[in-house]
C-alpha atoms as a PDB file:
ATOM      1  CA  MET A   1      47.325 -60.594  22.826  1.00  0.00           C
ATOM      2  CA  VAL A   2      44.736 -58.808  19.897  1.00  0.00           C
ATOM      3  CA  ILE A   3      44.265 -60.521  16.852  1.00  0.00           C
ATOM      4  CA  ASN A   4      44.181 -58.677  13.585  1.00  0.00           C
ATOM      5  CA  LEU A   5      40.995 -60.338  11.988  1.00  0.00           C
ATOM      6  CA  PHE A   6      42.247 -58.324   8.805  1.00  0.00           C
ATOM      7  CA  ASN A   7      46.100 -59.834   8.285  1.00  0.00           C
ATOM      8  CA  VAL A   8      45.225 -63.103   6.939  1.00  0.00           C
ATOM      9  CA  LEU A   9      48.670 -64.699   7.342  1.00  0.00           C
ATOM     10  CA  GLU A  10      48.941 -63.438  11.167  1.00  0.00           C
ATOM     11  CA  GLN A  11      47.372 -66.891  12.350  1.00  0.00           C
ATOM     12  CA  PHE A  12      50.368 -68.532  11.229  1.00  0.00           C
ATOM     13  CA  GLU A  13      53.278 -66.740  13.020  1.00  0.00           C
ATOM     14  CA  ILE A  14      55.775 -68.649  15.027  1.00  0.00           C
ATOM     15  CA  LEU A  15      55.580 -66.979  18.192  1.00  0.00           C
ATOM     16  CA  PRO A  16      58.024 -67.286  21.084  1.00  0.00           C
ATOM     17  CA  LEU A  17      56.791 -67.891  24.332  1.00  0.00           C
ATOM     18  CA  LEU A  18      59.991 -69.030  26.212  1.00  0.00           C
ATOM     19  CA  SER A  19      63.139 -67.294  25.055  1.00  0.00           C
ATOM     20  CA  LEU A  20      66.421 -69.722  25.046  1.00  0.00           C
ATOM     21  CA  ARG A  21      69.188 -68.737  23.016  1.00  0.00           C
ATOM     22  CA  LEU A  22      72.498 -70.159  23.317  1.00  0.00           C
ATOM     23  CA  THR A  23      74.593 -68.910  21.058  1.00  0.00           C
ATOM     24  CA  GLN A  24      73.842 -66.357  18.292  1.00  0.00           C
ATOM     25  CA  PHE A  25      73.448 -69.601  16.195  1.00  0.00           C
ATOM     26  CA  SER A  26      71.724 -72.086  18.896  1.00  0.00           C
ATOM     27  CA  ASP A  27      68.275 -71.008  19.523  1.00  0.00           C
ATOM     28  CA  ILE A  28      65.834 -73.470  21.676  1.00  0.00           C
ATOM     29  CA  SER A  29      62.974 -70.736  22.197  1.00  0.00           C
ATOM     30  CA  ILE A  30      59.657 -72.932  23.322  1.00  0.00           C
ATOM     31  CA  THR A  31      56.742 -71.510  20.371  1.00  0.00           C
ATOM     32  CA  ASN A  32      53.664 -72.122  19.868  1.00  0.00           C
ATOM     33  CA  THR A  33      54.499 -74.679  17.535  1.00  0.00           C
ATOM     34  CA  THR A  34      57.016 -76.715  20.026  1.00  0.00           C
ATOM     35  CA  VAL A  35      53.203 -76.018  22.711  1.00  0.00           C
ATOM     36  CA  LEU A  36      50.795 -77.566  20.539  1.00  0.00           C
ATOM     37  CA  LEU A  37      53.644 -80.969  19.090  1.00  0.00           C
ATOM     38  CA  PHE A  38      53.920 -81.745  22.710  1.00  0.00           C
ATOM     39  CA  ILE A  39      49.879 -81.463  22.811  1.00  0.00           C
ATOM     40  CA  VAL A  40      49.654 -83.611  19.568  1.00  0.00           C
ATOM     41  CA  ILE A  41      52.251 -86.619  21.555  1.00  0.00           C
ATOM     42  CA  PHE A  42      50.660 -86.196  24.636  1.00  0.00           C
ATOM     43  CA  ALA A  43      46.837 -87.015  22.735  1.00  0.00           C
ATOM     44  CA  ALA A  44      48.951 -89.534  21.171  1.00  0.00           C
ATOM     45  CA  TYR A  45      49.840 -90.884  24.280  1.00  0.00           C
ATOM     46  CA  PHE A  46      46.599 -90.767  25.837  1.00  0.00           C
ATOM     47  CA  PHE A  47      44.842 -92.511  22.938  1.00  0.00           C
ATOM     48  CA  ALA A  48      47.611 -95.153  23.537  1.00  0.00           C
ATOM     49  CA  GLN A  49      46.643 -95.369  27.054  1.00  0.00           C
ATOM     50  CA  VAL A  50      42.866 -95.555  26.580  1.00  0.00           C
ATOM     51  CA  LEU A  51      43.623 -98.184  23.681  1.00  0.00           C
ATOM     52  CA  TYR A  52      45.719-100.505  26.226  1.00  0.00           C
ATOM     53  CA  LYS A  53      43.307 -99.909  29.156  1.00  0.00           C
ATOM     54  CA  SER A  54      39.955-100.792  27.374  1.00  0.00           C
ATOM     55  CA  ASN A  55      41.707-104.264  25.656  1.00  0.00           C
ATOM     56  CA  THR A  56      43.512-105.441  28.788  1.00  0.00           C
ATOM     57  CA  ASP A  57      42.040-108.841  28.042  1.00  0.00           C
ATOM     58  CA  LYS A  58      43.634-109.228  25.063  1.00  0.00           C
ATOM     59  CA  THR A  59      40.538-108.590  22.844  1.00  0.00           C
ATOM     60  CA  PHE A  60      38.052-106.300  22.117  1.00  0.00           C
ATOM     61  CA  TYR A  61      34.534-106.117  22.908  1.00  0.00           C
ATOM     62  CA  LEU A  62      31.714-109.055  20.057  1.00  0.00           C
ATOM     63  CA  VAL A  63      29.073-105.570  19.922  1.00  0.00           C
ATOM     64  CA  PRO A  64      31.929-102.926  19.499  1.00  0.00           C
ATOM     65  CA  THR A  65      32.042 -99.945  21.061  1.00  0.00           C
ATOM     66  CA  ARG A  66      32.074 -96.388  19.460  1.00  0.00           C
ATOM     67  CA  TYR A  67      35.644 -95.939  20.391  1.00  0.00           C
ATOM     68  CA  GLN A  68      36.263 -99.857  18.669  1.00  0.00           C
ATOM     69  CA  THR A  69      34.103 -98.691  15.605  1.00  0.00           C
ATOM     70  CA  PHE A  70      36.772 -96.000  14.970  1.00  0.00           C
ATOM     71  CA  LEU A  71      39.587 -97.537  15.938  1.00  0.00           C
ATOM     72  CA  GLU A  72      38.458-100.575  13.446  1.00  0.00           C
ATOM     73  CA  ILE A  73      37.502 -98.111  10.343  1.00  0.00           C
ATOM     74  CA  ILE A  74      40.753 -96.503  10.540  1.00  0.00           C
ATOM     75  CA  TYR A  75      42.598-100.167  11.360  1.00  0.00           C
ATOM     76  CA  LYS A  76      40.520-101.177   7.655  1.00  0.00           C
ATOM     77  CA  MET A  77      41.199 -98.434   5.879  1.00  0.00           C
ATOM     78  CA  ILE A  78      45.375 -98.359   6.620  1.00  0.00           C
ATOM     79  CA  ALA A  79      45.650-102.410   6.451  1.00  0.00           C
ATOM     80  CA  GLY A  80      43.222-101.972   2.940  1.00  0.00           C
ATOM     81  CA  MET A  81      46.070 -99.310   1.363  1.00  0.00           C
ATOM     82  CA  ILE A  82      49.233-101.665   2.919  1.00  0.00           C
ATOM     83  CA  ILE A  83      47.675-105.199   1.338  1.00  0.00           C
ATOM     84  CA  THR A  84      46.928-103.277  -2.164  1.00  0.00           C
ATOM     85  CA  ASN A  85      50.127-101.514  -2.913  1.00  0.00           C
ATOM     86  CA  VAL A  86      53.318-103.335  -0.872  1.00  0.00           C
ATOM     87  CA  GLY A  87      51.393-107.260  -0.173  1.00  0.00           C
ATOM     88  CA  ASN A  88      50.405-108.461   3.051  1.00  0.00           C
ATOM     89  CA  ASN A  89      53.432-110.246   3.815  1.00  0.00           C
ATOM     90  CA  GLU A  90      55.843-107.768   3.302  1.00  0.00           C
ATOM     91  CA  GLY A  91      53.687-104.823   4.224  1.00  0.00           C
ATOM     92  CA  LYS A  92      52.407-105.865   7.850  1.00  0.00           C
ATOM     93  CA  ARG A  93      56.373-105.068   9.507  1.00  0.00           C
ATOM     94  CA  PHE A  94      55.237-101.714   8.322  1.00  0.00           C
ATOM     95  CA  PHE A  95      51.510-101.252   9.416  1.00  0.00           C
ATOM     96  CA  PRO A  96      53.221 -99.954  13.016  1.00  0.00           C
ATOM     97  CA  LEU A  97      54.389 -97.444  11.107  1.00  0.00           C
ATOM     98  CA  PHE A  98      51.617 -96.159   8.860  1.00  0.00           C
ATOM     99  CA  PHE A  99      49.150 -96.554  11.724  1.00  0.00           C
ATOM    100  CA  SER A 100      51.318 -93.866  13.369  1.00  0.00           C
ATOM    101  CA  VAL A 101      51.776 -91.622  10.550  1.00  0.00           C
ATOM    102  CA  PHE A 102      47.805 -91.324  10.142  1.00  0.00           C
ATOM    103  CA  LEU A 103      47.281 -90.860  13.791  1.00  0.00           C
ATOM    104  CA  PHE A 104      50.021 -88.329  14.211  1.00  0.00           C
ATOM    105  CA  LEU A 105      48.932 -85.939  11.030  1.00  0.00           C
ATOM    106  CA  PHE A 106      45.396 -86.810  11.403  1.00  0.00           C
ATOM    107  CA  VAL A 107      46.052 -84.908  14.908  1.00  0.00           C
ATOM    108  CA  LEU A 108      47.999 -82.173  13.628  1.00  0.00           C
ATOM    109  CA  ASN A 109      45.505 -81.361  11.022  1.00  0.00           C
ATOM    110  CA  LEU A 110      42.143 -81.352  13.259  1.00  0.00           C
ATOM    111  CA  ALA A 111      44.429 -79.187  16.135  1.00  0.00           C
ATOM    112  CA  GLY A 112      44.733 -76.893  13.197  1.00  0.00           C
ATOM    113  CA  THR A 113      41.229 -76.115  12.852  1.00  0.00           C
ATOM    114  CA  VAL A 114      40.741 -75.438  15.995  1.00  0.00           C
ATOM    115  CA  PRO A 115      39.644 -71.469  17.190  1.00  0.00           C
ATOM    116  CA  TYR A 116      42.682 -69.407  18.373  1.00  0.00           C
ATOM    117  CA  SER A 117      44.959 -72.894  17.459  1.00  0.00           C
ATOM    118  CA  PHE A 118      47.948 -72.839  15.253  1.00  0.00           C
ATOM    119  CA  ALA A 119      47.893 -75.095  12.161  1.00  0.00           C
ATOM    120  CA  LEU A 120      51.655 -76.349  12.089  1.00  0.00           C
ATOM    121  CA  THR A 121      50.853 -78.858   8.801  1.00  0.00           C
ATOM    122  CA  SER A 122      50.377 -75.206   7.134  1.00  0.00           C
ATOM    123  CA  HIS A 123      54.401 -74.019   7.382  1.00  0.00           C
ATOM    124  CA  ILE A 124      55.784 -75.902   4.377  1.00  0.00           C
ATOM    125  CA  ILE A 125      58.888 -76.425   6.341  1.00  0.00           C
ATOM    126  CA  ILE A 126      57.113 -78.538   8.499  1.00  0.00           C
ATOM    127  CA  THR A 127      55.479 -80.321   6.072  1.00  0.00           C
ATOM    128  CA  PHE A 128      58.820 -80.552   3.621  1.00  0.00           C
ATOM    129  CA  THR A 129      60.583 -82.199   7.024  1.00  0.00           C
ATOM    130  CA  PHE A 130      58.418 -84.937   7.411  1.00  0.00           C
ATOM    131  CA  SER A 131      57.388 -85.840   3.821  1.00  0.00           C
ATOM    132  CA  PHE A 132      61.350 -85.721   3.581  1.00  0.00           C
ATOM    133  CA  VAL A 133      62.446 -88.173   6.478  1.00  0.00           C
ATOM    134  CA  ILE A 134      59.725 -90.635   4.946  1.00  0.00           C
ATOM    135  CA  PHE A 135      60.635 -90.736   1.437  1.00  0.00           C
ATOM    136  CA  PHE A 136      64.250 -91.106   1.774  1.00  0.00           C
ATOM    137  CA  GLY A 137      63.522 -93.109   5.091  1.00  0.00           C
ATOM    138  CA  PHE A 138      61.824 -95.759   2.117  1.00  0.00           C
ATOM    139  CA  LYS A 139      65.102 -95.271  -0.306  1.00  0.00           C
ATOM    140  CA  ILE A 140      67.649 -96.674   2.647  1.00  0.00           C
ATOM    141  CA  ILE A 141      65.348 -99.367   2.954  1.00  0.00           C
ATOM    142  CA  GLY A 142      65.311-100.254  -0.632  1.00  0.00           C
ATOM    143  CA  ILE A 143      68.723-100.202  -0.577  1.00  0.00           C
ATOM    144  CA  VAL A 144      69.241-102.778   2.369  1.00  0.00           C
ATOM    145  CA  MET A 145      66.607-104.672   0.559  1.00  0.00           C
ATOM    146  CA  HIS A 146      67.969-104.938  -2.598  1.00  0.00           C
ATOM    147  CA  ARG A 147      71.824-103.283  -2.152  1.00  0.00           C
ATOM    148  CA  PHE A 148      72.883-102.609  -5.996  1.00  0.00           C
ATOM    149  CA  LYS A 149      69.354-104.004  -7.916  1.00  0.00           C
ATOM    150  CA  PHE A 150      67.725-100.700  -6.065  1.00  0.00           C
ATOM    151  CA  ALA A 151      69.437 -99.238  -8.936  1.00  0.00           C
ATOM    152  CA  SER A 152      67.107-100.521 -11.802  1.00  0.00           C
ATOM    153  CA  LEU A 153      64.033 -98.546  -9.995  1.00  0.00           C
ATOM    154  CA  LEU A 154      65.957 -95.418 -12.228  1.00  0.00           C
ATOM    155  CA  LEU A 155      65.761 -97.622 -15.310  1.00  0.00           C
ATOM    156  CA  PRO A 156      62.801 -99.594 -16.774  1.00  0.00           C
ATOM    157  CA  GLY A 157      62.801-102.704 -17.637  1.00  0.00           C
ATOM    158  CA  GLY A 158      63.201-103.584 -21.323  1.00  0.00           C
ATOM    159  CA  THR A 159      64.800 -99.858 -22.081  1.00  0.00           C
ATOM    160  CA  LEU A 160      67.232 -99.428 -24.830  1.00  0.00           C
ATOM    161  CA  GLY A 161      70.729 -98.671 -24.061  1.00  0.00           C
ATOM    162  CA  LEU A 162      70.721 -95.372 -26.217  1.00  0.00           C
ATOM    163  CA  LEU A 163      67.733 -94.336 -23.731  1.00  0.00           C
ATOM    164  CA  CYS A 164      69.107 -95.129 -20.826  1.00  0.00           C
ATOM    165  CA  PHE A 165      70.882 -91.382 -20.955  1.00  0.00           C
ATOM    166  CA  LEU A 166      67.778 -89.764 -21.263  1.00  0.00           C
ATOM    167  CA  LEU A 167      65.340 -91.753 -19.157  1.00  0.00           C
ATOM    168  CA  VAL A 168      67.953 -91.854 -15.947  1.00  0.00           C
ATOM    169  CA  PRO A 169      67.995 -88.227 -15.562  1.00  0.00           C
ATOM    170  CA  ILE A 170      63.954 -87.998 -15.788  1.00  0.00           C
ATOM    171  CA  GLU A 171      63.724 -90.924 -13.470  1.00  0.00           C
ATOM    172  CA  LEU A 172      66.337 -89.239 -10.775  1.00  0.00           C
ATOM    173  CA  ILE A 173      64.521 -86.118 -11.196  1.00  0.00           C
ATOM    174  CA  SER A 174      61.458 -87.156 -10.459  1.00  0.00           C
ATOM    175  CA  VAL A 175      62.335 -89.277  -7.444  1.00  0.00           C
ATOM    176  CA  THR A 176      63.633 -85.999  -6.437  1.00  0.00           C
ATOM    177  CA  PHE A 177      60.284 -84.211  -6.729  1.00  0.00           C
ATOM    178  CA  LYS A 178      57.886 -86.756  -5.343  1.00  0.00           C
ATOM    179  CA  PRO A 179      58.462 -85.613  -1.511  1.00  0.00           C
ATOM    180  CA  ILE A 180      58.500 -82.083  -2.425  1.00  0.00           C
ATOM    181  CA  SER A 181      55.136 -82.407  -4.294  1.00  0.00           C
ATOM    182  CA  LEU A 182      53.928 -84.353  -1.161  1.00  0.00           C
ATOM    183  CA  ALA A 183      54.834 -81.629   1.220  1.00  0.00           C
ATOM    184  CA  VAL A 184      53.804 -78.808  -0.925  1.00  0.00           C
ATOM    185  CA  ARG A 185      49.890 -80.901  -1.336  1.00  0.00           C
ATOM    186  CA  LEU A 186      49.813 -80.707   2.224  1.00  0.00           C
ATOM    187  CA  PHE A 187      50.585 -77.197   3.099  1.00  0.00           C
ATOM    188  CA  ALA A 188      49.161 -75.603   0.200  1.00  0.00           C
ATOM    189  CA  ASN A 189      45.572 -77.829   1.212  1.00  0.00           C
ATOM    190  CA  ILE A 190      45.458 -77.042   5.101  1.00  0.00           C
ATOM    191  CA  MET A 191      46.496 -73.387   4.619  1.00  0.00           C
ATOM    192  CA  SER A 192      44.471 -72.212   1.518  1.00  0.00           C
ATOM    193  CA  GLY A 193      41.520 -73.462   4.052  1.00  0.00           C
ATOM    194  CA  HIS A 194      42.861 -71.550   6.839  1.00  0.00           C
ATOM    195  CA  ILE A 195      43.189 -68.236   4.914  1.00  0.00           C
ATOM    196  CA  LEU A 196      39.516 -68.435   3.177  1.00  0.00           C
ATOM    197  CA  LEU A 197      38.276 -68.629   6.458  1.00  0.00           C
ATOM    198  CA  LYS A 198      39.851 -65.848   8.191  1.00  0.00           C
ATOM    199  CA  VAL A 199      39.261 -63.402   4.971  1.00  0.00           C
ATOM    200  CA  ILE A 200      35.542 -64.724   5.351  1.00  0.00           C
ATOM    201  CA  ALA A 201      35.762 -63.856   9.555  1.00  0.00           C
ATOM    202  CA  GLY A 202      36.858 -60.364   8.571  1.00  0.00           C
ATOM    203  CA  PHE A 203      35.013 -59.562   5.927  1.00  0.00           C
ATOM    204  CA  VAL A 204      31.705 -60.395   8.525  1.00  0.00           C
ATOM    205  CA  PHE A 205      32.813 -58.312  11.230  1.00  0.00           C
ATOM    206  CA  THR A 206      33.740 -55.426   8.509  1.00  0.00           C
ATOM    207  CA  LEU A 207      29.946 -55.930   8.061  1.00  0.00           C
ATOM    208  CA  THR A 208      28.818 -55.448  11.995  1.00  0.00           C
ATOM    209  CA  ASN A 209      30.225 -52.802  11.968  1.00  0.00           C
ATOM    210  CA  TYR A 210      27.603 -50.897  10.153  1.00  0.00           C
ATOM    211  CA  THR A 211      24.105 -50.697  10.320  1.00  0.00           C
ATOM    212  CA  GLY A 212      20.694 -51.384   8.432  1.00  0.00           C
ATOM    213  CA  ALA A 213      21.158 -53.288   5.074  1.00  0.00           C
ATOM    214  CA  LEU A 214      24.816 -53.746   5.469  1.00  0.00           C
ATOM    215  CA  PHE A 215      24.176 -55.214   9.047  1.00  0.00           C
ATOM    216  CA  VAL A 216      21.714 -57.762   7.613  1.00  0.00           C
ATOM    217  CA  LEU A 217      24.002 -58.979   4.748  1.00  0.00           C
ATOM    218  CA  SER A 218      27.090 -59.930   7.874  1.00  0.00           C
ATOM    219  CA  PHE A 219      24.018 -62.714   8.278  1.00  0.00           C
ATOM    220  CA  PHE A 220      24.901 -64.372   5.048  1.00  0.00           C
ATOM    221  CA  PRO A 221      29.012 -64.947   5.322  1.00  0.00           C
ATOM    222  CA  LEU A 222      28.569 -65.595   9.126  1.00  0.00           C
ATOM    223  CA  ALA A 223      25.887 -68.698   7.899  1.00  0.00           C
ATOM    224  CA  LEU A 224      28.565 -69.067   4.997  1.00  0.00           C
ATOM    225  CA  LEU A 225      31.364 -69.987   8.175  1.00  0.00           C
ATOM    226  CA  PHE A 226      30.130 -72.353   9.777  1.00  0.00           C
ATOM    227  CA  PRO A 227      29.681 -75.109   6.559  1.00  0.00           C
ATOM    228  CA  LEU A 228      33.326 -74.162   5.590  1.00  0.00           C
ATOM    229  CA  ILE A 229      34.439 -74.688   8.746  1.00  0.00           C
ATOM    230  CA  LEU A 230      33.019 -78.728   8.614  1.00  0.00           C
ATOM    231  CA  LEU A 231      34.947 -78.803   5.083  1.00  0.00           C
ATOM    232  CA  GLU A 232      37.970 -77.667   6.713  1.00  0.00           C
ATOM    233  CA  ILE A 233      37.793 -80.579   8.470  1.00  0.00           C
ATOM    234  CA  VAL A 234      37.175 -83.358   6.140  1.00  0.00           C
ATOM    235  CA  VAL A 235      40.187 -81.578   3.973  1.00  0.00           C
ATOM    236  CA  ALA A 236      42.051 -82.046   7.129  1.00  0.00           C
ATOM    237  CA  MET A 237      40.580 -86.084   7.001  1.00  0.00           C
ATOM    238  CA  ILE A 238      41.232 -86.314   3.336  1.00  0.00           C
ATOM    239  CA  GLN A 239      44.596 -84.844   3.149  1.00  0.00           C
ATOM    240  CA  THR A 240      45.821 -87.558   6.265  1.00  0.00           C
ATOM    241  CA  TYR A 241      44.075 -89.981   4.034  1.00  0.00           C
ATOM    242  CA  VAL A 242      45.964 -88.464   0.966  1.00  0.00           C
ATOM    243  CA  PHE A 243      49.673 -88.535   2.657  1.00  0.00           C
ATOM    244  CA  CYS A 244      49.465 -92.169   3.848  1.00  0.00           C
ATOM    245  CA  ILE A 245      47.919 -93.546   0.561  1.00  0.00           C
ATOM    246  CA  LEU A 246      50.996 -91.692  -0.956  1.00  0.00           C
ATOM    247  CA  ILE A 247      53.673 -92.434   1.007  1.00  0.00           C
ATOM    248  CA  VAL A 248      52.078 -96.459   1.233  1.00  0.00           C
ATOM    249  CA  ILE A 249      52.338 -96.496  -2.436  1.00  0.00           C
ATOM    250  CA  TYR A 250      56.088 -95.207  -2.652  1.00  0.00           C
ATOM    251  CA  LEU A 251      57.170 -98.063  -0.413  1.00  0.00           C
ATOM    252  CA  GLY A 252      55.767-100.231  -2.275  1.00  0.00           C
ATOM    253  CA  GLU A 253      57.987 -98.738  -5.490  1.00  0.00           C
ATOM    254  CA  VAL A 254      60.801 -99.317  -3.420  1.00  0.00           C
ATOM    255  CA  ILE A 255      59.882-103.133  -2.337  1.00  0.00           C
ATOM    256  CA  SER A 256      58.940-104.278  -5.777  1.00  0.00           C
ATOM    257  CA  LEU A 257      61.159-102.147  -7.418  1.00  0.00           C
ATOM    258  CA  HIS A 258      58.699-101.299 -10.729  1.00  0.00           C
END
């Protein structure tokens, strides 16, 4: 496969690796996105196995290893999110969910920074499906917990009767657009970073085809690529954190109804 350095959108193409079309409307072909998802799931399973084997005696080391230190940082960060926005008693039941979401998105975002890999979270259909399932899953939890009182989430306390006809549609629109904004934020940040790297890489490749001063100038954008790659990794970490903190806040709103 020939990679076109001058087509910045080529890196986002979904390529079928094994065509499995059953009927005209059912296509279960294996694509590069499918392969990446299997790799991420395998990496998460391997991560869990290493965690289990390193903790066979049901305790951690008094002097933590690097692996344990990394786990404790993630644990404290997610636990702090939940305690602050949901509460210790209610939130601890959802800790495995948020921990899994964080690790899954973190690995997906980092996998997209590997050369010749595929940025799965740069597709809005992926991020929207992910945020939609989580967000409206929380709404179902709220309905089960509060039943008819859950409708009060659309109407702030102390609202005058005449304002109800105005505030309820506004709150309903706000609730509808929350998962959309959550998906667009993750998609846009990941996609823009990859496009920027591809543009600079194409610029470097163009300058290296010349001789003299233009060839020397190619070293400047080439040197810029390395800090941009590090910046993209940092962005992947930050976007994972932002996604998780927002869904924790959304869960807190559902549980406390305000």
